[in-house]
Amino acid sequence: MRIIVHNAKCQGHARCWAQAPDIFKLDDDGYILPGDIQVAEGEQLLASQGARSCPERALEVDRTSAARFEPAAMHPRTGEA
């Protein structure tokens, strides 16, 4: 899972950081740092809660990124059991 960061929408409320300070990194003024965030397994619930807590919707949860890296797990080859 990854969190897509829309920096232009961030208003510095820091609600994401309040939910998950180890996942969401802020600058000195309280704005989310640029760049998408790769979320480690086991931190997905906190990351999702942090993203949803943003009143400006500056954070978007992308759950499809894991499927891109493991296509064989999603679609086994014909003839495999």
Protein backbone atom coordinates (compact mmCIF):
# COMPACT_ATOMS: atom_id res chain seq x y z
CA MET A 1 0.00 0.00 0.00
CA ARG A 2 1.13 3.53 -0.59
CA ILE A 3 -0.13 6.96 0.29
CA ILE A 4 -0.19 9.41 -2.60
CA VAL A 5 0.68 12.89 -1.33
CA HIS A 6 -0.99 15.91 -2.95
CA ASN A 7 1.22 18.67 -1.54
CA ALA A 8 -0.74 21.50 -3.12
CA LYS A 9 -3.78 20.54 -1.01
CA CYS A 10 -1.95 20.31 2.33
CA GLN A 11 -2.86 23.13 4.71
CA GLY A 12 -0.65 22.04 7.61
CA HIS A 13 -3.35 20.73 9.96
CA ALA A 14 -1.02 17.81 10.86
CA ARG A 15 -3.91 15.44 11.60
CA CYS A 16 -2.18 12.70 9.63
CA TRP A 17 0.91 13.07 11.79
CA ALA A 18 -1.21 13.03 14.96
CA GLN A 19 -2.59 9.62 13.89
CA ALA A 20 0.73 8.11 12.76
CA PRO A 21 3.85 10.21 13.42
CA ASP A 22 6.18 7.41 12.30
CA ILE A 23 4.54 7.28 8.86
CA PHE A 24 3.74 10.91 8.04
CA LYS A 25 6.74 13.23 8.04
CA LEU A 26 6.20 16.98 8.24
CA ASP A 27 8.40 19.97 7.56
CA ASP A 28 9.15 22.61 10.21
CA ASP A 29 5.90 24.43 9.38
CA GLY A 30 3.71 21.34 9.77
CA TYR A 31 3.21 20.56 6.08
CA ILE A 32 3.56 17.02 4.71
CA LEU A 33 6.87 16.36 2.98
CA PRO A 34 6.67 15.81 -0.79
CA GLY A 35 6.71 12.33 -2.29
CA ASP A 36 4.48 9.31 -1.99
CA ILE A 37 4.75 7.15 1.11
CA GLN A 38 5.33 3.41 0.89
CA VAL A 39 3.54 1.84 3.85
CA ALA A 40 5.05 -1.21 5.50
CA GLU A 41 2.91 -4.22 6.27
CA GLY A 42 1.57 -3.88 9.78
CA GLU A 43 1.29 -0.08 9.51
CA GLN A 44 -1.48 -0.03 6.93
CA LEU A 45 -4.33 0.59 9.37
CA LEU A 46 -2.58 3.57 10.97
CA ALA A 47 -1.59 4.97 7.58
CA SER A 48 -5.14 4.65 6.29
CA GLN A 49 -6.55 6.37 9.39
CA GLY A 50 -4.02 9.17 9.06
CA ALA A 51 -4.82 9.70 5.39
CA ARG A 52 -8.57 9.73 6.05
CA SER A 53 -8.14 12.26 8.86
CA CYS A 54 -6.92 14.94 6.43
CA PRO A 55 -9.70 17.55 6.06
CA GLU A 56 -8.20 18.78 2.78
CA ARG A 57 -7.99 15.28 1.23
CA ALA A 58 -4.30 15.84 0.52
CA LEU A 59 -3.57 12.15 1.10
CA GLU A 60 -4.89 9.35 -1.08
CA VAL A 61 -4.70 5.66 -0.19
CA ASP A 62 -3.53 3.48 -3.08
CA ARG A 63 -4.06 -0.18 -2.29
CA THR A 64 -3.37 -1.33 -5.86
CA SER A 65 0.40 -0.81 -5.68
CA ALA A 66 0.97 -4.17 -3.97
CA ALA A 67 -0.85 -6.00 -6.75
CA ARG A 68 1.46 -4.43 -9.34
CA PHE A 69 4.47 -6.09 -7.74
CA GLU A 70 2.92 -9.55 -7.29
CA PRO A 71 0.90 -10.29 -10.43
CA ALA A 72 1.55 -14.03 -10.28
CA ALA A 73 -0.12 -14.21 -6.87
CA MET A 74 -3.24 -12.64 -8.31
CA HIS A 75 -3.37 -14.64 -11.59
CA PRO A 76 -1.75 -18.09 -11.38
CA ARG A 77 -0.65 -19.60 -14.69
CA THR A 78 -2.92 -22.09 -16.38
CA GLY A 79 -2.22 -25.64 -15.28
CA GLU A 80 -0.78 -24.69 -11.87
CA ALA A 81 -2.46 -25.96 -8.76
